[in-house]
Amino acid sequence: MADGELAGLQLAEPQLTSPQKLELYYWMRLTRTFDDRVVAYWKQGRGVGGVFSQRGHEAISVGTGYALRPEDVVAPMHRDLGTYLLRGLTPRRIFANMLGKATGVSGGRDVNLHGVGDLSLNLVGFISHLPHSLPVTVGVALSFVYRKEPRVAMTYVGDGSSSAGLFHEALNLASTHNAPFVLIVENNQYAYSTPLRQQMRVPDVAARAAGYGIPGVIVDGNDVEAVYAASKEAVERARAGGGPTLIECKTMRMMGHAIHDGAEYVPRELLEEWEKRDPVELFERRLVAQDIADPTEIDEIKHRCEVEIADAIEYAEQSPLPDPATVEEGVYAP
């Protein structure tokens, strides 16, 4: 994204303490470390099934998730690893799930982030048919209205999902009933291999919010503080009875749709431009420039993340596969 384009974004002023900023950096770095190790693991042929990199989305998944309270409900997507980690899913459970082990979140029923949910953490598993998590989350938000509970529901879609019928139906329902609902649109420029300009006439997905009488906010999706500030404002507005908000986070998917996709259709110069605005490195440089952290502290956080992810991989590799006798457990019909 060019500087001129950034100038048009609506950036709320973040209200974060220095310890909170360091905490945000830790979650972003943990997410990046996990993702890097996963990609390397799968490229070595050691993984099971497919894998989806969220590289470039760390500021979105962490900034939005950090704005929620534990009692709020969130339904992340396959590029929102930071949200899963923030909500309490450990790297051990997630990596074990990706290897199809019994100690994974789904007990070996899945082999990636699809379906990785834990209702005890108020975390709804991702529904891979996009954007089917959207009406589910709106339903959760409406339940809060009926029960008069000061809670908020949040979910995520990509730019491509904003052209699907369910996107519009769910937003219409949420706005009509003033649901405490926040929708995060991760505009990463490509719906699989289809660039945004080929799927919609308007340049901003947030413009669609006006048709439903709700706020449409645009933020720099590579700036975790801006993402957090916009998300926090929308969450607390919803909690206070102000209704839904659509937040469009502009970013770039830095790898292909999945591990099998080389993304040859993406211009190399576009990726090079976005690489200069890497969200993790951008925030790291800001912390050092603001004297919130020195290089030694940064290195300590990086080392901590490396140790945690190495432990998760070792745990997953040593975990047992599920017992075939349990194949009918956890299903609605045998």
C-alpha atoms as a PDB file:
ATOM      1  CA  MET A   1       0.000   0.000   0.000  1.00  0.00           C
ATOM      2  CA  ALA A   2       1.392   3.384  -0.957  1.00  0.00           C
ATOM      3  CA  ASP A   3       1.740   6.203   1.566  1.00  0.00           C
ATOM      4  CA  GLY A   4      -0.950   8.169  -0.254  1.00  0.00           C
ATOM      5  CA  GLU A   5      -3.412   5.347   0.243  1.00  0.00           C
ATOM      6  CA  LEU A   6      -2.559   5.130   3.939  1.00  0.00           C
ATOM      7  CA  ALA A   7      -3.368   8.808   4.335  1.00  0.00           C
ATOM      8  CA  GLY A   8      -7.041   8.081   3.694  1.00  0.00           C
ATOM      9  CA  LEU A   9      -7.401   5.488   6.436  1.00  0.00           C
ATOM     10  CA  GLN A  10      -9.390   6.239   9.569  1.00  0.00           C
ATOM     11  CA  LEU A  11      -6.936   5.580  12.369  1.00  0.00           C
ATOM     12  CA  ALA A  12      -8.164   5.720  15.930  1.00  0.00           C
ATOM     13  CA  GLU A  13      -5.655   6.767  18.592  1.00  0.00           C
ATOM     14  CA  PRO A  14      -4.527   3.655  20.477  1.00  0.00           C
ATOM     15  CA  GLN A  15      -4.750   3.792  24.272  1.00  0.00           C
ATOM     16  CA  LEU A  16      -2.202   1.222  25.320  1.00  0.00           C
ATOM     17  CA  THR A  17       0.347   1.168  28.131  1.00  0.00           C
ATOM     18  CA  SER A  18       3.948   0.164  27.506  1.00  0.00           C
ATOM     19  CA  PRO A  19       3.457  -3.269  29.146  1.00  0.00           C
ATOM     20  CA  GLN A  20       0.400  -3.833  26.939  1.00  0.00           C
ATOM     21  CA  LYS A  21       2.391  -2.946  23.839  1.00  0.00           C
ATOM     22  CA  LEU A  22       5.060  -5.451  24.815  1.00  0.00           C
ATOM     23  CA  GLU A  23       2.337  -8.033  25.357  1.00  0.00           C
ATOM     24  CA  LEU A  24       0.957  -7.345  21.884  1.00  0.00           C
ATOM     25  CA  TYR A  25       4.433  -7.775  20.438  1.00  0.00           C
ATOM     26  CA  TYR A  26       4.851 -11.105  22.238  1.00  0.00           C
ATOM     27  CA  TRP A  27       1.596 -12.455  20.762  1.00  0.00           C
ATOM     28  CA  MET A  28       2.515 -11.224  17.287  1.00  0.00           C
ATOM     29  CA  ARG A  29       5.986 -12.739  17.501  1.00  0.00           C
ATOM     30  CA  LEU A  30       4.610 -16.024  18.862  1.00  0.00           C
ATOM     31  CA  THR A  31       2.155 -16.133  15.965  1.00  0.00           C
ATOM     32  CA  ARG A  32       4.878 -15.436  13.407  1.00  0.00           C
ATOM     33  CA  THR A  33       7.236 -18.009  14.951  1.00  0.00           C
ATOM     34  CA  PHE A  34       4.524 -20.665  14.938  1.00  0.00           C
ATOM     35  CA  ASP A  35       3.636 -19.880  11.337  1.00  0.00           C
ATOM     36  CA  ASP A  36       7.242 -19.943  10.145  1.00  0.00           C
ATOM     37  CA  ARG A  37       7.853 -23.317  11.778  1.00  0.00           C
ATOM     38  CA  VAL A  38       4.632 -24.755  10.382  1.00  0.00           C
ATOM     39  CA  VAL A  39       5.472 -23.688   6.834  1.00  0.00           C
ATOM     40  CA  ALA A  40       8.985 -25.134   7.124  1.00  0.00           C
ATOM     41  CA  TYR A  41       7.621 -28.358   8.631  1.00  0.00           C
ATOM     42  CA  TRP A  42       5.156 -28.871   5.792  1.00  0.00           C
ATOM     43  CA  LYS A  43       7.709 -28.025   3.094  1.00  0.00           C
ATOM     44  CA  GLN A  44       9.866 -30.785   4.540  1.00  0.00           C
ATOM     45  CA  GLY A  45       6.981 -33.199   3.915  1.00  0.00           C
ATOM     46  CA  ARG A  46       6.449 -33.860   7.623  1.00  0.00           C
ATOM     47  CA  GLY A  47       2.953 -32.395   7.901  1.00  0.00           C
ATOM     48  CA  VAL A  48      -0.470 -33.940   7.476  1.00  0.00           C
ATOM     49  CA  GLY A  49      -3.098 -32.414   5.208  1.00  0.00           C
ATOM     50  CA  GLY A  50      -2.999 -28.784   4.125  1.00  0.00           C
ATOM     51  CA  VAL A  51      -1.765 -25.699   5.904  1.00  0.00           C
ATOM     52  CA  PHE A  52      -2.661 -22.022   5.546  1.00  0.00           C
ATOM     53  CA  SER A  53      -0.077 -19.363   6.326  1.00  0.00           C
ATOM     54  CA  GLN A  54      -1.246 -16.195   8.058  1.00  0.00           C
ATOM     55  CA  ARG A  55       1.969 -14.303   7.422  1.00  0.00           C
ATOM     56  CA  GLY A  56       1.095 -10.621   7.146  1.00  0.00           C
ATOM     57  CA  HIS A  57      -2.086 -10.964   9.210  1.00  0.00           C
ATOM     58  CA  GLU A  58      -0.520 -10.884  12.686  1.00  0.00           C
ATOM     59  CA  ALA A  59      -1.558  -7.308  13.444  1.00  0.00           C
ATOM     60  CA  ILE A  60      -5.172  -8.136  12.585  1.00  0.00           C
ATOM     61  CA  SER A  61      -5.536 -11.386  14.502  1.00  0.00           C
ATOM     62  CA  VAL A  62      -3.756 -10.061  17.595  1.00  0.00           C
ATOM     63  CA  GLY A  63      -5.101  -6.499  17.537  1.00  0.00           C
ATOM     64  CA  THR A  64      -8.725  -7.579  17.207  1.00  0.00           C
ATOM     65  CA  GLY A  65      -8.496 -10.436  19.683  1.00  0.00           C
ATOM     66  CA  TYR A  66      -6.822  -8.213  22.269  1.00  0.00           C
ATOM     67  CA  ALA A  67      -9.851  -5.888  22.185  1.00  0.00           C
ATOM     68  CA  LEU A  68     -12.202  -8.581  23.484  1.00  0.00           C
ATOM     69  CA  ARG A  69     -13.023  -9.615  27.028  1.00  0.00           C
ATOM     70  CA  PRO A  70     -12.877 -13.296  28.075  1.00  0.00           C
ATOM     71  CA  GLU A  71     -16.693 -13.464  28.206  1.00  0.00           C
ATOM     72  CA  ASP A  72     -17.003 -12.287  24.601  1.00  0.00           C
ATOM     73  CA  VAL A  73     -17.310 -14.840  21.804  1.00  0.00           C
ATOM     74  CA  VAL A  74     -15.063 -14.932  18.762  1.00  0.00           C
ATOM     75  CA  ALA A  75     -15.085 -17.038  15.596  1.00  0.00           C
ATOM     76  CA  PRO A  76     -11.717 -16.672  13.821  1.00  0.00           C
ATOM     77  CA  MET A  77     -10.755 -17.858  10.332  1.00  0.00           C
ATOM     78  CA  HIS A  78      -7.819 -19.905   9.050  1.00  0.00           C
ATOM     79  CA  ARG A  79      -5.498 -16.845   8.959  1.00  0.00           C
ATOM     80  CA  ASP A  80      -6.249 -15.737  12.524  1.00  0.00           C
ATOM     81  CA  LEU A  81      -3.783 -17.863  14.451  1.00  0.00           C
ATOM     82  CA  GLY A  82      -3.028 -14.984  16.811  1.00  0.00           C
ATOM     83  CA  THR A  83      -6.669 -14.859  17.902  1.00  0.00           C
ATOM     84  CA  TYR A  84      -6.690 -18.579  18.709  1.00  0.00           C
ATOM     85  CA  LEU A  85      -3.532 -18.192  20.782  1.00  0.00           C
ATOM     86  CA  LEU A  86      -4.843 -15.120  22.588  1.00  0.00           C
ATOM     87  CA  ARG A  87      -8.055 -16.924  23.530  1.00  0.00           C
ATOM     88  CA  GLY A  88      -6.107 -19.633  25.310  1.00  0.00           C
ATOM     89  CA  LEU A  89      -5.485 -22.375  22.770  1.00  0.00           C
ATOM     90  CA  THR A  90      -1.901 -23.410  23.481  1.00  0.00           C
ATOM     91  CA  PRO A  91       0.685 -23.988  20.740  1.00  0.00           C
ATOM     92  CA  ARG A  92       0.813 -27.599  21.940  1.00  0.00           C
ATOM     93  CA  ARG A  93      -2.890 -28.226  21.327  1.00  0.00           C
ATOM     94  CA  ILE A  94      -2.857 -26.446  17.977  1.00  0.00           C
ATOM     95  CA  PHE A  95       0.208 -28.199  16.560  1.00  0.00           C
ATOM     96  CA  ALA A  96      -1.059 -31.562  17.802  1.00  0.00           C
ATOM     97  CA  ASN A  97      -4.291 -30.856  15.989  1.00  0.00           C
ATOM     98  CA  MET A  98      -2.401 -30.090  12.793  1.00  0.00           C
ATOM     99  CA  LEU A  99      -0.724 -33.492  13.031  1.00  0.00           C
ATOM    100  CA  GLY A 100      -4.044 -35.249  13.659  1.00  0.00           C
ATOM    101  CA  LYS A 101      -3.081 -36.328  17.165  1.00  0.00           C
ATOM    102  CA  ALA A 102      -5.441 -37.281  19.992  1.00  0.00           C
ATOM    103  CA  THR A 103      -4.139 -34.392  22.103  1.00  0.00           C
ATOM    104  CA  GLY A 104      -5.170 -31.870  19.477  1.00  0.00           C
ATOM    105  CA  VAL A 105      -8.165 -29.589  19.854  1.00  0.00           C
ATOM    106  CA  SER A 106     -10.385 -31.838  17.729  1.00  0.00           C
ATOM    107  CA  GLY A 107      -8.947 -35.072  19.088  1.00  0.00           C
ATOM    108  CA  GLY A 108      -7.571 -36.094  15.722  1.00  0.00           C
ATOM    109  CA  ARG A 109     -10.743 -35.299  13.747  1.00  0.00           C
ATOM    110  CA  ASP A 110      -9.094 -32.487  11.840  1.00  0.00           C
ATOM    111  CA  VAL A 111      -5.598 -31.645  10.634  1.00  0.00           C
ATOM    112  CA  ASN A 112      -5.476 -27.852  10.383  1.00  0.00           C
ATOM    113  CA  LEU A 113      -7.138 -24.739  11.863  1.00  0.00           C
ATOM    114  CA  HIS A 114     -10.529 -25.642  10.393  1.00  0.00           C
ATOM    115  CA  GLY A 115     -12.855 -26.535  13.211  1.00  0.00           C
ATOM    116  CA  VAL A 116     -10.356 -25.625  15.920  1.00  0.00           C
ATOM    117  CA  GLY A 117     -12.791 -24.295  18.475  1.00  0.00           C
ATOM    118  CA  ASP A 118     -13.263 -24.553  22.218  1.00  0.00           C
ATOM    119  CA  LEU A 119     -16.521 -23.264  23.628  1.00  0.00           C
ATOM    120  CA  SER A 120     -15.056 -23.259  27.133  1.00  0.00           C
ATOM    121  CA  LEU A 121     -12.840 -20.443  25.826  1.00  0.00           C
ATOM    122  CA  ASN A 122     -15.780 -18.785  24.015  1.00  0.00           C
ATOM    123  CA  LEU A 123     -14.039 -19.706  20.795  1.00  0.00           C
ATOM    124  CA  VAL A 124     -16.191 -20.912  17.896  1.00  0.00           C
ATOM    125  CA  GLY A 125     -14.431 -23.214  15.446  1.00  0.00           C
ATOM    126  CA  PHE A 126     -13.881 -21.965  11.923  1.00  0.00           C
ATOM    127  CA  ILE A 127     -16.445 -23.024   9.332  1.00  0.00           C
ATOM    128  CA  SER A 128     -14.426 -23.475   6.162  1.00  0.00           C
ATOM    129  CA  HIS A 129     -17.283 -22.671   3.782  1.00  0.00           C
ATOM    130  CA  LEU A 130     -16.979 -18.901   3.617  1.00  0.00           C
ATOM    131  CA  PRO A 131     -18.615 -16.881   5.057  1.00  0.00           C
ATOM    132  CA  HIS A 132     -20.672 -19.381   7.080  1.00  0.00           C
ATOM    133  CA  SER A 133     -19.113 -18.349  10.392  1.00  0.00           C
ATOM    134  CA  LEU A 134     -20.810 -14.971   9.912  1.00  0.00           C
ATOM    135  CA  PRO A 135     -24.491 -15.974  10.456  1.00  0.00           C
ATOM    136  CA  VAL A 136     -23.440 -18.291  13.281  1.00  0.00           C
ATOM    137  CA  THR A 137     -21.729 -15.411  15.078  1.00  0.00           C
ATOM    138  CA  VAL A 138     -24.650 -13.069  14.447  1.00  0.00           C
ATOM    139  CA  GLY A 139     -26.840 -15.714  16.090  1.00  0.00           C
ATOM    140  CA  VAL A 140     -24.528 -15.712  19.094  1.00  0.00           C
ATOM    141  CA  ALA A 141     -24.762 -11.918  19.271  1.00  0.00           C
ATOM    142  CA  LEU A 142     -28.566 -12.057  19.109  1.00  0.00           C
ATOM    143  CA  SER A 143     -28.587 -14.507  22.011  1.00  0.00           C
ATOM    144  CA  PHE A 144     -26.838 -11.844  24.081  1.00  0.00           C
ATOM    145  CA  VAL A 145     -29.635  -9.422  23.197  1.00  0.00           C
ATOM    146  CA  TYR A 146     -32.329 -11.892  24.233  1.00  0.00           C
ATOM    147  CA  ARG A 147     -30.564 -12.680  27.519  1.00  0.00           C
ATOM    148  CA  LYS A 148     -29.675  -9.035  28.154  1.00  0.00           C
ATOM    149  CA  GLU A 149     -26.000  -9.924  28.602  1.00  0.00           C
ATOM    150  CA  PRO A 150     -23.311  -7.250  28.072  1.00  0.00           C
ATOM    151  CA  ARG A 151     -21.292  -9.452  25.748  1.00  0.00           C
ATOM    152  CA  VAL A 152     -20.034  -9.081  22.188  1.00  0.00           C
ATOM    153  CA  ALA A 153     -19.559 -11.512  19.300  1.00  0.00           C
ATOM    154  CA  MET A 154     -16.849 -11.046  16.671  1.00  0.00           C
ATOM    155  CA  THR A 155     -15.990 -12.889  13.499  1.00  0.00           C
ATOM    156  CA  TYR A 156     -13.838 -12.497  10.406  1.00  0.00           C
ATOM    157  CA  VAL A 157     -14.244 -12.751   6.639  1.00  0.00           C
ATOM    158  CA  GLY A 158     -12.003 -12.026   3.669  1.00  0.00           C
ATOM    159  CA  ASP A 159     -12.617  -9.559   0.869  1.00  0.00           C
ATOM    160  CA  GLY A 160     -13.949 -12.350  -1.364  1.00  0.00           C
ATOM    161  CA  SER A 161     -16.559 -13.371   1.204  1.00  0.00           C
ATOM    162  CA  SER A 162     -18.022  -9.869   1.129  1.00  0.00           C
ATOM    163  CA  SER A 163     -19.441 -10.709  -2.306  1.00  0.00           C
ATOM    164  CA  ALA A 164     -21.329 -13.767  -1.040  1.00  0.00           C
ATOM    165  CA  GLY A 165     -25.029 -13.676  -0.239  1.00  0.00           C
ATOM    166  CA  LEU A 166     -24.615 -14.735   3.394  1.00  0.00           C
ATOM    167  CA  PHE A 167     -22.432 -11.695   4.031  1.00  0.00           C
ATOM    168  CA  HIS A 168     -25.280  -9.343   3.161  1.00  0.00           C
ATOM    169  CA  GLU A 169     -28.013 -11.418   4.786  1.00  0.00           C
ATOM    170  CA  ALA A 170     -26.126 -11.655   8.059  1.00  0.00           C
ATOM    171  CA  LEU A 171     -25.252  -7.949   8.134  1.00  0.00           C
ATOM    172  CA  ASN A 172     -28.856  -7.036   7.418  1.00  0.00           C
ATOM    173  CA  LEU A 173     -30.053  -9.251  10.278  1.00  0.00           C
ATOM    174  CA  ALA A 174     -27.420  -7.916  12.671  1.00  0.00           C
ATOM    175  CA  SER A 175     -28.181  -4.288  11.883  1.00  0.00           C
ATOM    176  CA  THR A 176     -31.959  -4.716  11.967  1.00  0.00           C
ATOM    177  CA  HIS A 177     -31.803  -6.226  15.453  1.00  0.00           C
ATOM    178  CA  ASN A 178     -28.964  -3.987  16.674  1.00  0.00           C
ATOM    179  CA  ALA A 179     -26.869  -7.008  17.583  1.00  0.00           C
ATOM    180  CA  PRO A 180     -23.661  -6.569  19.632  1.00  0.00           C
ATOM    181  CA  PHE A 181     -21.606  -7.783  16.709  1.00  0.00           C
ATOM    182  CA  VAL A 182     -18.271  -6.789  15.181  1.00  0.00           C
ATOM    183  CA  LEU A 183     -17.243  -7.974  11.730  1.00  0.00           C
ATOM    184  CA  ILE A 184     -13.585  -7.903  10.749  1.00  0.00           C
ATOM    185  CA  VAL A 185     -12.993  -7.918   6.994  1.00  0.00           C
ATOM    186  CA  GLU A 186      -9.437  -8.982   6.208  1.00  0.00           C
ATOM    187  CA  ASN A 187      -8.915  -7.324   2.856  1.00  0.00           C
ATOM    188  CA  ASN A 188      -5.719  -9.054   1.759  1.00  0.00           C
ATOM    189  CA  GLN A 189      -6.169  -8.109  -1.919  1.00  0.00           C
ATOM    190  CA  TYR A 190      -6.866 -11.596  -3.270  1.00  0.00           C
ATOM    191  CA  ALA A 191      -9.778 -14.029  -2.957  1.00  0.00           C
ATOM    192  CA  TYR A 192      -7.635 -17.078  -3.640  1.00  0.00           C
ATOM    193  CA  SER A 193      -6.292 -15.926  -7.045  1.00  0.00           C
ATOM    194  CA  THR A 194      -8.897 -13.252  -7.859  1.00  0.00           C
ATOM    195  CA  PRO A 195      -7.708  -9.678  -7.224  1.00  0.00           C
ATOM    196  CA  LEU A 196     -10.100  -7.293  -5.529  1.00  0.00           C
ATOM    197  CA  ARG A 197     -10.580  -5.139  -8.643  1.00  0.00           C
ATOM    198  CA  GLN A 198     -12.060  -8.129 -10.472  1.00  0.00           C
ATOM    199  CA  GLN A 199     -14.639  -8.984  -7.828  1.00  0.00           C
ATOM    200  CA  MET A 200     -16.132  -5.630  -6.810  1.00  0.00           C
ATOM    201  CA  ARG A 201     -16.614  -2.144  -8.276  1.00  0.00           C
ATOM    202  CA  VAL A 202     -15.900  -0.095  -5.159  1.00  0.00           C
ATOM    203  CA  PRO A 203     -12.360   0.003  -3.699  1.00  0.00           C
ATOM    204  CA  ASP A 204     -13.414  -0.336  -0.056  1.00  0.00           C
ATOM    205  CA  VAL A 205     -15.415  -3.202   1.427  1.00  0.00           C
ATOM    206  CA  ALA A 206     -16.295  -0.876   4.309  1.00  0.00           C
ATOM    207  CA  ALA A 207     -18.438   1.165   1.925  1.00  0.00           C
ATOM    208  CA  ARG A 208     -20.956  -1.664   1.987  1.00  0.00           C
ATOM    209  CA  ALA A 209     -21.728  -0.993   5.650  1.00  0.00           C
ATOM    210  CA  ALA A 210     -23.690   2.140   4.764  1.00  0.00           C
ATOM    211  CA  GLY A 211     -26.330   0.021   3.038  1.00  0.00           C
ATOM    212  CA  TYR A 212     -27.163  -1.509   6.413  1.00  0.00           C
ATOM    213  CA  GLY A 213     -27.007   1.669   8.461  1.00  0.00           C
ATOM    214  CA  ILE A 214     -23.935   0.649  10.448  1.00  0.00           C
ATOM    215  CA  PRO A 215     -20.440   2.155  10.742  1.00  0.00           C
ATOM    216  CA  GLY A 216     -17.853   1.061   8.200  1.00  0.00           C
ATOM    217  CA  VAL A 217     -14.304   1.705   9.402  1.00  0.00           C
ATOM    218  CA  ILE A 218     -11.067   1.314   7.431  1.00  0.00           C
ATOM    219  CA  VAL A 219      -7.779   0.690   9.214  1.00  0.00           C
ATOM    220  CA  ASP A 220      -4.211  -0.134   8.264  1.00  0.00           C
ATOM    221  CA  GLY A 221      -4.201  -3.887   8.821  1.00  0.00           C
ATOM    222  CA  ASN A 222      -0.431  -3.908   9.303  1.00  0.00           C
ATOM    223  CA  ASP A 223      -0.541  -1.534  12.280  1.00  0.00           C
ATOM    224  CA  VAL A 224      -1.497  -3.500  15.376  1.00  0.00           C
ATOM    225  CA  GLU A 225      -2.150  -0.398  17.466  1.00  0.00           C
ATOM    226  CA  ALA A 226      -4.535   1.027  14.871  1.00  0.00           C
ATOM    227  CA  VAL A 227      -6.314  -2.322  14.541  1.00  0.00           C
ATOM    228  CA  TYR A 228      -6.645  -2.618  18.307  1.00  0.00           C
ATOM    229  CA  ALA A 229      -7.956   0.933  18.721  1.00  0.00           C
ATOM    230  CA  ALA A 230     -10.636   0.543  16.037  1.00  0.00           C
ATOM    231  CA  SER A 231     -11.619  -2.885  17.359  1.00  0.00           C
ATOM    232  CA  LYS A 232     -11.792  -1.738  20.972  1.00  0.00           C
ATOM    233  CA  GLU A 233     -14.013   1.199  20.022  1.00  0.00           C
ATOM    234  CA  ALA A 234     -16.353  -1.059  18.026  1.00  0.00           C
ATOM    235  CA  VAL A 235     -16.480  -3.725  20.739  1.00  0.00           C
ATOM    236  CA  GLU A 236     -17.321  -1.293  23.520  1.00  0.00           C
ATOM    237  CA  ARG A 237     -19.841   0.498  21.303  1.00  0.00           C
ATOM    238  CA  ALA A 238     -21.579  -2.837  20.685  1.00  0.00           C
ATOM    239  CA  ARG A 239     -21.446  -3.716  24.381  1.00  0.00           C
ATOM    240  CA  ALA A 240     -23.134  -0.419  25.231  1.00  0.00           C
ATOM    241  CA  GLY A 241     -26.003  -1.124  22.833  1.00  0.00           C
ATOM    242  CA  GLY A 242     -24.686   0.759  19.819  1.00  0.00           C
ATOM    243  CA  GLY A 243     -25.040  -2.170  17.431  1.00  0.00           C
ATOM    244  CA  PRO A 244     -22.744  -3.714  14.815  1.00  0.00           C
ATOM    245  CA  THR A 245     -19.622  -2.321  13.175  1.00  0.00           C
ATOM    246  CA  LEU A 246     -17.783  -3.454  10.049  1.00  0.00           C
ATOM    247  CA  ILE A 247     -14.019  -2.946  10.243  1.00  0.00           C
ATOM    248  CA  GLU A 248     -12.031  -3.360   7.055  1.00  0.00           C
ATOM    249  CA  CYS A 249      -8.367  -4.109   7.703  1.00  0.00           C
ATOM    250  CA  LYS A 250      -6.301  -3.512   4.594  1.00  0.00           C
ATOM    251  CA  THR A 251      -3.339  -5.860   4.354  1.00  0.00           C
ATOM    252  CA  MET A 252      -1.678  -8.327   1.998  1.00  0.00           C
ATOM    253  CA  ARG A 253      -1.598 -12.107   1.973  1.00  0.00           C
ATOM    254  CA  MET A 254       2.146 -12.689   1.791  1.00  0.00           C
ATOM    255  CA  MET A 255       1.981 -16.326   0.693  1.00  0.00           C
ATOM    256  CA  GLY A 256      -0.354 -18.381  -1.463  1.00  0.00           C
ATOM    257  CA  HIS A 257      -3.860 -19.427  -0.521  1.00  0.00           C
ATOM    258  CA  ALA A 258      -2.427 -22.593   1.050  1.00  0.00           C
ATOM    259  CA  ILE A 259       0.876 -24.435   1.170  1.00  0.00           C
ATOM    260  CA  HIS A 260       0.301 -25.931  -2.283  1.00  0.00           C
ATOM    261  CA  ASP A 261      -0.225 -22.521  -3.909  1.00  0.00           C
ATOM    262  CA  GLY A 262       2.877 -20.694  -5.156  1.00  0.00           C
ATOM    263  CA  ALA A 263       0.852 -17.519  -5.816  1.00  0.00           C
ATOM    264  CA  GLU A 264       2.501 -16.919  -9.184  1.00  0.00           C
ATOM    265  CA  TYR A 265      -0.498 -14.744 -10.068  1.00  0.00           C
ATOM    266  CA  VAL A 266       0.574 -12.070  -7.547  1.00  0.00           C
ATOM    267  CA  PRO A 267       3.004  -9.456  -8.959  1.00  0.00           C
ATOM    268  CA  ARG A 268       6.374  -9.798  -7.232  1.00  0.00           C
ATOM    269  CA  GLU A 269       6.745  -6.028  -6.949  1.00  0.00           C
ATOM    270  CA  LEU A 270       3.452  -5.880  -5.002  1.00  0.00           C
ATOM    271  CA  LEU A 271       4.734  -8.380  -2.455  1.00  0.00           C
ATOM    272  CA  GLU A 272       8.015  -6.502  -2.206  1.00  0.00           C
ATOM    273  CA  GLU A 273       6.181  -3.281  -1.383  1.00  0.00           C
ATOM    274  CA  TRP A 274       4.114  -4.948   1.329  1.00  0.00           C
ATOM    275  CA  GLU A 275       7.162  -6.728   2.737  1.00  0.00           C
ATOM    276  CA  LYS A 276       8.513  -3.296   3.649  1.00  0.00           C
ATOM    277  CA  ARG A 277       5.467  -2.906   5.916  1.00  0.00           C
ATOM    278  CA  ASP A 278       5.720  -6.292   7.614  1.00  0.00           C
ATOM    279  CA  PRO A 279       3.431  -5.908  10.669  1.00  0.00           C
ATOM    280  CA  VAL A 280       5.719  -7.688  13.135  1.00  0.00           C
ATOM    281  CA  GLU A 281       8.865  -5.865  12.077  1.00  0.00           C
ATOM    282  CA  LEU A 282       6.990  -2.556  11.866  1.00  0.00           C
ATOM    283  CA  PHE A 283       5.808  -2.833  15.464  1.00  0.00           C
ATOM    284  CA  GLU A 284       9.192  -4.052  16.666  1.00  0.00           C
ATOM    285  CA  ARG A 285      10.922  -0.997  15.217  1.00  0.00           C
ATOM    286  CA  ARG A 286       8.313   1.263  16.800  1.00  0.00           C
ATOM    287  CA  LEU A 287       8.845  -0.263  20.251  1.00  0.00           C
ATOM    288  CA  VAL A 288      12.581   0.306  20.024  1.00  0.00           C
ATOM    289  CA  ALA A 289      12.171   3.845  18.658  1.00  0.00           C
ATOM    290  CA  GLN A 290       9.806   4.722  21.522  1.00  0.00           C
ATOM    291  CA  ASP A 291      12.201   3.249  24.124  1.00  0.00           C
ATOM    292  CA  ILE A 292       9.543   0.754  25.189  1.00  0.00           C
ATOM    293  CA  ALA A 293      11.935  -2.113  24.533  1.00  0.00           C
ATOM    294  CA  ASP A 294      15.640  -2.366  23.780  1.00  0.00           C
ATOM    295  CA  PRO A 295      17.221  -4.932  21.422  1.00  0.00           C
ATOM    296  CA  THR A 296      18.034  -7.219  24.341  1.00  0.00           C
ATOM    297  CA  GLU A 297      14.389  -7.350  25.449  1.00  0.00           C
ATOM    298  CA  ILE A 298      13.298  -7.982  21.867  1.00  0.00           C
ATOM    299  CA  ASP A 299      15.760 -10.875  21.586  1.00  0.00           C
ATOM    300  CA  GLU A 300      14.461 -12.321  24.862  1.00  0.00           C
ATOM    301  CA  ILE A 301      10.896 -12.317  23.539  1.00  0.00           C
ATOM    302  CA  LYS A 302      12.018 -13.938  20.296  1.00  0.00           C
ATOM    303  CA  HIS A 303      13.882 -16.640  22.216  1.00  0.00           C
ATOM    304  CA  ARG A 304      10.876 -17.261  24.461  1.00  0.00           C
ATOM    305  CA  CYS A 305       8.685 -17.767  21.387  1.00  0.00           C
ATOM    306  CA  GLU A 306      11.191 -20.116  19.759  1.00  0.00           C
ATOM    307  CA  VAL A 307      11.297 -22.246  22.912  1.00  0.00           C
ATOM    308  CA  GLU A 308       7.486 -22.387  23.158  1.00  0.00           C
ATOM    309  CA  ILE A 309       7.041 -23.458  19.562  1.00  0.00           C
ATOM    310  CA  ALA A 310       9.853 -26.019  19.712  1.00  0.00           C
ATOM    311  CA  ASP A 311       8.150 -27.477  22.782  1.00  0.00           C
ATOM    312  CA  ALA A 312       4.795 -27.570  20.959  1.00  0.00           C
ATOM    313  CA  ILE A 313       6.289 -29.457  18.017  1.00  0.00           C
ATOM    314  CA  GLU A 314       8.012 -31.982  20.274  1.00  0.00           C
ATOM    315  CA  TYR A 315       4.794 -32.472  22.256  1.00  0.00           C
ATOM    316  CA  ALA A 316       2.746 -32.985  19.094  1.00  0.00           C
ATOM    317  CA  GLU A 317       5.209 -35.441  17.582  1.00  0.00           C
ATOM    318  CA  GLN A 318       5.232 -37.544  20.749  1.00  0.00           C
ATOM    319  CA  SER A 319       1.442 -37.471  21.189  1.00  0.00           C
ATOM    320  CA  PRO A 320      -0.559 -40.577  20.243  1.00  0.00           C
ATOM    321  CA  LEU A 321      -2.872 -40.877  17.282  1.00  0.00           C
ATOM    322  CA  PRO A 322      -6.549 -41.205  18.203  1.00  0.00           C
ATOM    323  CA  ASP A 323      -7.892 -44.633  19.119  1.00  0.00           C
ATOM    324  CA  PRO A 324      -9.895 -45.957  16.135  1.00  0.00           C
ATOM    325  CA  ALA A 325     -12.517 -47.216  18.601  1.00  0.00           C
ATOM    326  CA  THR A 326     -13.446 -43.583  19.338  1.00  0.00           C
ATOM    327  CA  VAL A 327     -14.242 -42.729  15.704  1.00  0.00           C
ATOM    328  CA  GLU A 328     -17.973 -42.291  16.432  1.00  0.00           C
ATOM    329  CA  GLU A 329     -17.451 -40.038  19.447  1.00  0.00           C
ATOM    330  CA  GLY A 330     -18.221 -36.359  19.152  1.00  0.00           C
ATOM    331  CA  VAL A 331     -20.490 -36.695  16.127  1.00  0.00           C
ATOM    332  CA  TYR A 332     -24.213 -36.074  15.864  1.00  0.00           C
ATOM    333  CA  ALA A 333     -24.996 -39.337  14.096  1.00  0.00           C
ATOM    334  CA  PRO A 334     -22.974 -42.563  13.720  1.00  0.00           C
END
